[in-house]
Amino acid sequence: MSIWFEQPNLDEVNSWSKGTMLEHIGIEITDIGDDYLEGTMPADQRTFQPYGLVHGGANIVLAETLGSIGGMLTIDPDKYICVGQEVNGNHLRGVRSGVVRGRAQRIHGGSTSQVWEIKLYDDKNKLSCISRLTLAVVKKR
C-alpha cells in the first residue's frame, strides 16, 4: 500500500532541485517505491571535507533532502507543508569516492508531525550513516 498523497513522478520531483543546493552538489532522486524514497549524492570535491571524505554535513543534506521530499509527497500540497524540526546523523563509515545512496522510510506519520529514518550507503552497499528527521506538518497560510 502506497503512502503517497498522489503517485509521484520522478522527473517532476527532480525538477524541484533546479537552482538549489541539491543541484549544486549533485543530489538526485533515483527511485520512489510504495513506502520509500531513494537518492544519490556524488562523493567528490563538492561534498568532501579536507581529509578527502564525504563531509558529515553533506550526508545530513542528503538525508534531510530525502526525508523532506518524502514528507512533502505524503501530504496535500494545496493545504499543508512539511518543515524540518530536527535532524541527526550517526556517521559510521567514511566514503572516499563513488556515490552515496540514501533510502528514506517514514516511521511515523501523524497529522502534525512525521519521523523519517534515512540510511546512507557507499557504492559497496556498506552502511555509512544513519539519520533521523522529524518534520512538522503545518497548514499553509
N, C-alpha and C. Protein backbone atom coordinates (compact mmCIF):
# COMPACT_ATOMS: atom_id res chain seq x y z
N MET A 1 0.84 -1.18 0.00
CA MET A 1 0.00 0.00 0.00
C MET A 1 0.89 1.24 0.00
N SER A 2 0.58 2.17 -0.88
CA SER A 2 1.38 3.37 -1.05
C SER A 2 1.07 4.41 0.04
N ILE A 3 2.12 5.10 0.50
CA ILE A 3 1.95 6.16 1.50
C ILE A 3 1.79 7.54 0.85
N TRP A 4 1.94 7.64 -0.47
CA TRP A 4 1.97 8.93 -1.15
C TRP A 4 0.57 9.51 -1.32
N PHE A 5 0.47 10.84 -1.21
CA PHE A 5 -0.81 11.53 -1.41
C PHE A 5 -1.29 11.34 -2.84
N GLU A 6 -0.38 11.52 -3.79
CA GLU A 6 -0.62 11.22 -5.20
C GLU A 6 0.60 10.46 -5.69
N GLN A 7 0.45 9.68 -6.74
CA GLN A 7 1.58 8.92 -7.27
C GLN A 7 2.67 9.89 -7.74
N PRO A 8 3.85 9.84 -7.13
CA PRO A 8 4.92 10.78 -7.51
C PRO A 8 5.49 10.49 -8.90
N ASN A 9 5.92 11.56 -9.55
CA ASN A 9 6.59 11.47 -10.84
C ASN A 9 8.06 11.81 -10.61
N LEU A 10 8.95 10.89 -10.90
CA LEU A 10 10.38 11.05 -10.62
C LEU A 10 10.98 12.27 -11.32
N ASP A 11 10.62 12.49 -12.59
CA ASP A 11 11.15 13.65 -13.31
C ASP A 11 10.68 14.96 -12.68
N GLU A 12 9.43 15.02 -12.28
CA GLU A 12 8.92 16.24 -11.64
C GLU A 12 9.62 16.48 -10.30
N VAL A 13 9.77 15.43 -9.51
CA VAL A 13 10.44 15.57 -8.21
C VAL A 13 11.86 16.08 -8.41
N ASN A 14 12.59 15.55 -9.38
CA ASN A 14 13.96 16.02 -9.63
C ASN A 14 14.00 17.44 -10.16
N SER A 15 12.94 17.88 -10.83
CA SER A 15 12.92 19.26 -11.35
C SER A 15 12.88 20.29 -10.21
N TRP A 16 12.41 19.89 -9.04
CA TRP A 16 12.34 20.82 -7.90
C TRP A 16 13.73 21.27 -7.44
N SER A 17 14.78 20.53 -7.80
CA SER A 17 16.14 20.85 -7.36
C SER A 17 16.81 21.94 -8.18
N LYS A 18 16.23 22.29 -9.31
CA LYS A 18 16.85 23.28 -10.20
C LYS A 18 17.13 24.58 -9.45
N GLY A 19 18.38 25.02 -9.52
CA GLY A 19 18.77 26.28 -8.90
C GLY A 19 18.94 26.23 -7.40
N THR A 20 19.01 25.03 -6.82
CA THR A 20 19.15 24.89 -5.37
C THR A 20 20.48 24.23 -5.02
N MET A 21 20.76 24.13 -3.73
CA MET A 21 21.95 23.43 -3.27
C MET A 21 21.97 21.99 -3.79
N LEU A 22 20.81 21.38 -3.89
CA LEU A 22 20.73 19.99 -4.35
C LEU A 22 21.34 19.85 -5.74
N GLU A 23 21.00 20.77 -6.62
CA GLU A 23 21.57 20.75 -7.97
C GLU A 23 23.08 21.01 -7.90
N HIS A 24 23.47 21.94 -7.07
CA HIS A 24 24.89 22.33 -6.97
C HIS A 24 25.77 21.16 -6.53
N ILE A 25 25.31 20.36 -5.58
CA ILE A 25 26.15 19.25 -5.12
C ILE A 25 25.80 17.91 -5.76
N GLY A 26 24.82 17.91 -6.65
CA GLY A 26 24.55 16.72 -7.46
C GLY A 26 23.60 15.69 -6.85
N ILE A 27 22.75 16.11 -5.92
CA ILE A 27 21.78 15.17 -5.36
C ILE A 27 20.68 14.90 -6.39
N GLU A 28 20.34 13.62 -6.53
CA GLU A 28 19.30 13.21 -7.47
C GLU A 28 18.42 12.15 -6.82
N ILE A 29 17.12 12.28 -7.00
CA ILE A 29 16.18 11.25 -6.55
C ILE A 29 16.16 10.17 -7.62
N THR A 30 16.39 8.93 -7.21
CA THR A 30 16.56 7.84 -8.18
C THR A 30 15.43 6.82 -8.19
N ASP A 31 14.69 6.72 -7.09
CA ASP A 31 13.64 5.70 -7.03
C ASP A 31 12.61 6.09 -5.99
N ILE A 32 11.35 5.84 -6.31
CA ILE A 32 10.26 6.05 -5.36
C ILE A 32 9.41 4.78 -5.37
N GLY A 33 9.41 4.08 -4.23
CA GLY A 33 8.60 2.87 -4.09
C GLY A 33 7.30 3.20 -3.37
N ASP A 34 6.57 2.19 -2.96
CA ASP A 34 5.30 2.42 -2.26
C ASP A 34 5.48 3.09 -0.90
N ASP A 35 6.62 2.85 -0.24
CA ASP A 35 6.81 3.41 1.10
C ASP A 35 8.24 3.89 1.35
N TYR A 36 8.97 4.19 0.30
CA TYR A 36 10.34 4.68 0.45
C TYR A 36 10.70 5.60 -0.70
N LEU A 37 11.78 6.33 -0.48
CA LEU A 37 12.34 7.24 -1.48
C LEU A 37 13.85 7.03 -1.46
N GLU A 38 14.48 6.94 -2.63
CA GLU A 38 15.93 6.79 -2.70
C GLU A 38 16.54 7.89 -3.53
N GLY A 39 17.78 8.22 -3.20
CA GLY A 39 18.50 9.21 -3.96
C GLY A 39 19.99 9.02 -3.80
N THR A 40 20.74 9.74 -4.64
CA THR A 40 22.20 9.63 -4.61
C THR A 40 22.84 11.01 -4.53
N MET A 41 24.08 11.00 -4.07
CA MET A 41 24.91 12.19 -3.99
C MET A 41 26.33 11.77 -4.35
N PRO A 42 27.01 12.51 -5.23
CA PRO A 42 28.38 12.12 -5.56
C PRO A 42 29.32 12.31 -4.39
N ALA A 43 30.30 11.42 -4.29
CA ALA A 43 31.39 11.57 -3.33
C ALA A 43 32.55 12.17 -4.13
N ASP A 44 32.61 13.51 -4.17
CA ASP A 44 33.64 14.20 -4.93
C ASP A 44 33.97 15.53 -4.27
N GLN A 45 34.72 16.37 -4.95
CA GLN A 45 35.19 17.62 -4.36
C GLN A 45 34.05 18.52 -3.87
N ARG A 46 32.86 18.39 -4.41
CA ARG A 46 31.72 19.20 -3.96
C ARG A 46 31.22 18.78 -2.59
N THR A 47 31.46 17.53 -2.22
CA THR A 47 30.90 17.00 -0.97
C THR A 47 31.96 16.59 0.04
N PHE A 48 33.24 16.71 -0.31
CA PHE A 48 34.32 16.30 0.59
C PHE A 48 34.65 17.34 1.64
N GLN A 49 35.16 16.85 2.77
CA GLN A 49 35.83 17.69 3.75
C GLN A 49 37.33 17.59 3.48
N PRO A 50 38.17 18.36 4.19
CA PRO A 50 39.60 18.41 3.85
C PRO A 50 40.35 17.08 3.88
N TYR A 51 39.86 16.05 4.57
CA TYR A 51 40.55 14.76 4.62
C TYR A 51 40.22 13.87 3.42
N GLY A 52 39.42 14.36 2.48
CA GLY A 52 39.08 13.56 1.32
C GLY A 52 37.96 12.58 1.54
N LEU A 53 37.16 12.82 2.58
CA LEU A 53 35.98 12.01 2.88
C LEU A 53 34.73 12.85 2.67
N VAL A 54 33.60 12.20 2.42
CA VAL A 54 32.34 12.94 2.35
C VAL A 54 32.12 13.63 3.69
N HIS A 55 31.85 14.91 3.62
CA HIS A 55 31.60 15.74 4.80
C HIS A 55 30.33 15.26 5.51
N GLY A 56 30.37 15.20 6.83
CA GLY A 56 29.19 14.81 7.59
C GLY A 56 28.00 15.70 7.30
N GLY A 57 28.26 16.99 7.08
CA GLY A 57 27.17 17.91 6.74
C GLY A 57 26.55 17.59 5.40
N ALA A 58 27.35 17.11 4.45
CA ALA A 58 26.81 16.70 3.15
C ALA A 58 25.90 15.48 3.33
N ASN A 59 26.32 14.54 4.19
CA ASN A 59 25.45 13.40 4.50
C ASN A 59 24.10 13.87 5.03
N ILE A 60 24.14 14.85 5.93
CA ILE A 60 22.90 15.35 6.52
C ILE A 60 22.05 16.06 5.47
N VAL A 61 22.69 16.78 4.55
CA VAL A 61 21.93 17.42 3.47
C VAL A 61 21.20 16.35 2.65
N LEU A 62 21.89 15.27 2.31
CA LEU A 62 21.23 14.19 1.56
C LEU A 62 20.09 13.58 2.38
N ALA A 63 20.36 13.29 3.64
CA ALA A 63 19.33 12.67 4.49
C ALA A 63 18.11 13.57 4.64
N GLU A 64 18.34 14.84 4.95
CA GLU A 64 17.21 15.76 5.14
C GLU A 64 16.45 15.97 3.83
N THR A 65 17.17 15.98 2.73
CA THR A 65 16.52 16.12 1.42
C THR A 65 15.57 14.96 1.17
N LEU A 66 16.06 13.75 1.38
CA LEU A 66 15.22 12.57 1.12
C LEU A 66 14.00 12.54 2.03
N GLY A 67 14.21 12.78 3.32
CA GLY A 67 13.09 12.76 4.25
C GLY A 67 12.10 13.89 4.00
N SER A 68 12.60 15.07 3.69
CA SER A 68 11.72 16.23 3.45
C SER A 68 10.89 16.04 2.19
N ILE A 69 11.53 15.57 1.13
CA ILE A 69 10.77 15.31 -0.10
C ILE A 69 9.75 14.21 0.16
N GLY A 70 10.17 13.17 0.87
CA GLY A 70 9.23 12.11 1.22
C GLY A 70 8.04 12.65 1.98
N GLY A 71 8.30 13.46 2.99
CA GLY A 71 7.21 14.05 3.77
C GLY A 71 6.27 14.87 2.92
N MET A 72 6.86 15.68 2.06
CA MET A 72 6.06 16.55 1.19
C MET A 72 5.15 15.73 0.28
N LEU A 73 5.64 14.57 -0.16
CA LEU A 73 4.86 13.75 -1.08
C LEU A 73 3.71 13.00 -0.39
N THR A 74 3.66 13.02 0.94
CA THR A 74 2.60 12.30 1.65
C THR A 74 1.44 13.21 2.06
N ILE A 75 1.57 14.51 1.84
CA ILE A 75 0.53 15.45 2.29
C ILE A 75 -0.15 16.12 1.10
N ASP A 76 -1.29 16.74 1.35
CA ASP A 76 -1.99 17.52 0.33
C ASP A 76 -1.24 18.85 0.18
N PRO A 77 -0.53 19.06 -0.94
CA PRO A 77 0.30 20.26 -1.08
C PRO A 77 -0.50 21.56 -1.21
N ASP A 78 -1.80 21.45 -1.46
CA ASP A 78 -2.63 22.65 -1.50
C ASP A 78 -3.00 23.13 -0.11
N LYS A 79 -2.89 22.25 0.89
CA LYS A 79 -3.32 22.59 2.24
C LYS A 79 -2.18 22.64 3.25
N TYR A 80 -1.10 21.88 3.03
CA TYR A 80 -0.06 21.73 4.04
C TYR A 80 1.35 21.85 3.45
N ILE A 81 2.30 22.10 4.33
CA ILE A 81 3.71 22.00 4.01
C ILE A 81 4.38 21.20 5.12
N CYS A 82 5.53 20.63 4.81
CA CYS A 82 6.34 19.95 5.82
C CYS A 82 7.61 20.77 6.01
N VAL A 83 7.97 21.02 7.26
CA VAL A 83 9.20 21.73 7.57
C VAL A 83 9.99 20.93 8.59
N GLY A 84 11.31 20.95 8.43
CA GLY A 84 12.18 20.20 9.33
C GLY A 84 12.19 20.80 10.72
N GLN A 85 12.14 19.95 11.73
CA GLN A 85 12.25 20.38 13.12
C GLN A 85 13.55 19.91 13.74
N GLU A 86 13.99 18.71 13.38
CA GLU A 86 15.22 18.16 13.96
C GLU A 86 15.76 17.10 13.02
N VAL A 87 17.08 17.12 12.87
CA VAL A 87 17.74 16.09 12.07
C VAL A 87 19.01 15.69 12.81
N ASN A 88 19.31 14.41 12.79
CA ASN A 88 20.57 13.95 13.37
C ASN A 88 21.16 12.88 12.48
N GLY A 89 22.42 12.60 12.71
CA GLY A 89 23.08 11.57 11.92
C GLY A 89 24.22 10.93 12.70
N ASN A 90 24.31 9.65 12.57
CA ASN A 90 25.45 8.90 13.10
C ASN A 90 26.29 8.48 11.90
N HIS A 91 27.50 9.02 11.83
CA HIS A 91 28.41 8.73 10.72
C HIS A 91 29.22 7.50 11.09
N LEU A 92 29.02 6.42 10.36
CA LEU A 92 29.57 5.11 10.71
C LEU A 92 30.79 4.72 9.90
N ARG A 93 30.89 5.21 8.67
CA ARG A 93 31.97 4.79 7.77
C ARG A 93 32.24 5.94 6.81
N GLY A 94 33.51 6.24 6.61
CA GLY A 94 33.89 7.29 5.66
C GLY A 94 33.71 6.82 4.22
N VAL A 95 33.34 7.76 3.36
CA VAL A 95 33.19 7.47 1.93
C VAL A 95 34.18 8.37 1.19
N ARG A 96 35.05 7.76 0.36
CA ARG A 96 36.12 8.49 -0.31
C ARG A 96 35.90 8.67 -1.81
N SER A 97 34.98 7.93 -2.39
CA SER A 97 34.77 8.02 -3.84
C SER A 97 33.42 7.41 -4.20
N GLY A 98 33.06 7.60 -5.46
CA GLY A 98 31.82 7.00 -5.96
C GLY A 98 30.61 7.83 -5.66
N VAL A 99 29.58 7.18 -5.17
CA VAL A 99 28.34 7.86 -4.80
C VAL A 99 27.89 7.39 -3.43
N VAL A 100 27.12 8.24 -2.79
CA VAL A 100 26.42 7.88 -1.56
C VAL A 100 24.96 7.68 -1.96
N ARG A 101 24.41 6.54 -1.59
CA ARG A 101 23.00 6.25 -1.88
C ARG A 101 22.23 6.27 -0.58
N GLY A 102 21.09 6.95 -0.60
CA GLY A 102 20.26 7.02 0.59
C GLY A 102 18.88 6.45 0.35
N ARG A 103 18.31 5.90 1.42
CA ARG A 103 16.94 5.37 1.37
C ARG A 103 16.21 5.90 2.59
N ALA A 104 15.10 6.60 2.35
CA ALA A 104 14.29 7.18 3.41
C ALA A 104 12.97 6.43 3.53
N GLN A 105 12.61 6.11 4.78
CA GLN A 105 11.32 5.48 5.06
C GLN A 105 10.67 6.16 6.25
N ARG A 106 9.39 6.41 6.12
CA ARG A 106 8.65 7.06 7.21
C ARG A 106 8.39 6.04 8.30
N ILE A 107 8.70 6.44 9.55
CA ILE A 107 8.44 5.54 10.67
C ILE A 107 7.30 6.07 11.55
N HIS A 108 6.89 7.32 11.32
CA HIS A 108 5.71 7.86 11.99
C HIS A 108 5.07 8.88 11.06
N GLY A 109 3.78 8.77 10.87
CA GLY A 109 3.05 9.69 10.02
C GLY A 109 1.81 10.21 10.72
N GLY A 110 1.97 11.23 11.55
CA GLY A 110 0.85 11.81 12.27
C GLY A 110 0.26 13.00 11.53
N SER A 111 -0.79 13.56 12.10
CA SER A 111 -1.45 14.70 11.44
C SER A 111 -0.65 15.99 11.60
N THR A 112 0.23 16.07 12.60
CA THR A 112 1.03 17.29 12.79
C THR A 112 2.54 17.04 12.75
N SER A 113 2.96 15.80 12.70
CA SER A 113 4.40 15.52 12.62
C SER A 113 4.64 14.20 11.89
N GLN A 114 5.85 14.10 11.37
CA GLN A 114 6.32 12.87 10.73
C GLN A 114 7.74 12.62 11.21
N VAL A 115 8.13 11.35 11.28
CA VAL A 115 9.51 10.98 11.58
C VAL A 115 9.96 10.02 10.47
N TRP A 116 11.13 10.34 9.92
CA TRP A 116 11.71 9.55 8.84
C TRP A 116 13.06 8.99 9.26
N GLU A 117 13.33 7.75 8.88
CA GLU A 117 14.65 7.16 9.06
C GLU A 117 15.32 7.10 7.70
N ILE A 118 16.55 7.59 7.64
CA ILE A 118 17.30 7.61 6.40
C ILE A 118 18.62 6.88 6.60
N LYS A 119 18.86 5.89 5.76
CA LYS A 119 20.11 5.15 5.81
C LYS A 119 20.91 5.48 4.55
N LEU A 120 22.20 5.78 4.75
CA LEU A 120 23.09 6.11 3.64
C LEU A 120 24.11 4.99 3.48
N TYR A 121 24.43 4.67 2.23
CA TYR A 121 25.33 3.56 1.89
C TYR A 121 26.40 4.04 0.90
N ASP A 122 27.58 3.42 0.97
CA ASP A 122 28.59 3.68 -0.06
C ASP A 122 28.29 2.80 -1.27
N ASP A 123 29.13 2.90 -2.32
CA ASP A 123 28.79 2.11 -3.51
C ASP A 123 29.19 0.64 -3.41
N LYS A 124 29.66 0.21 -2.24
CA LYS A 124 29.83 -1.22 -1.96
C LYS A 124 28.66 -1.72 -1.10
N ASN A 125 27.63 -0.87 -0.96
CA ASN A 125 26.42 -1.15 -0.19
C ASN A 125 26.70 -1.33 1.30
N LYS A 126 27.76 -0.66 1.80
CA LYS A 126 28.06 -0.68 3.23
C LYS A 126 27.44 0.57 3.86
N LEU A 127 26.80 0.36 5.00
CA LEU A 127 26.13 1.46 5.71
C LEU A 127 27.17 2.49 6.15
N SER A 128 26.95 3.74 5.78
CA SER A 128 27.90 4.80 6.14
C SER A 128 27.31 5.81 7.11
N CYS A 129 25.98 5.94 7.17
CA CYS A 129 25.35 6.92 8.06
C CYS A 129 23.90 6.51 8.30
N ILE A 130 23.44 6.71 9.52
CA ILE A 130 22.02 6.54 9.85
C ILE A 130 21.54 7.89 10.37
N SER A 131 20.42 8.34 9.83
CA SER A 131 19.89 9.65 10.20
C SER A 131 18.40 9.52 10.53
N ARG A 132 17.94 10.44 11.37
CA ARG A 132 16.51 10.53 11.68
C ARG A 132 16.09 11.98 11.50
N LEU A 133 14.96 12.19 10.86
CA LEU A 133 14.44 13.52 10.58
C LEU A 133 13.03 13.63 11.13
N THR A 134 12.78 14.68 11.89
CA THR A 134 11.43 14.99 12.37
C THR A 134 10.92 16.19 11.59
N LEU A 135 9.73 16.04 11.02
CA LEU A 135 9.09 17.10 10.25
C LEU A 135 7.81 17.55 10.95
N ALA A 136 7.56 18.85 10.90
CA ALA A 136 6.27 19.39 11.32
C ALA A 136 5.38 19.49 10.09
N VAL A 137 4.14 19.07 10.22
CA VAL A 137 3.15 19.24 9.17
C VAL A 137 2.34 20.47 9.54
N VAL A 138 2.43 21.52 8.70
CA VAL A 138 1.87 22.82 9.02
C VAL A 138 0.86 23.23 7.95
N LYS A 139 -0.28 23.79 8.41
CA LYS A 139 -1.26 24.31 7.44
C LYS A 139 -0.66 25.46 6.66
N LYS A 140 -0.92 25.48 5.36
CA LYS A 140 -0.46 26.57 4.50
C LYS A 140 -1.20 27.85 4.87
N ARG A 141 -0.48 28.95 4.80
CA ARG A 141 -1.12 30.25 5.09
C ARG A 141 -1.61 30.88 3.82
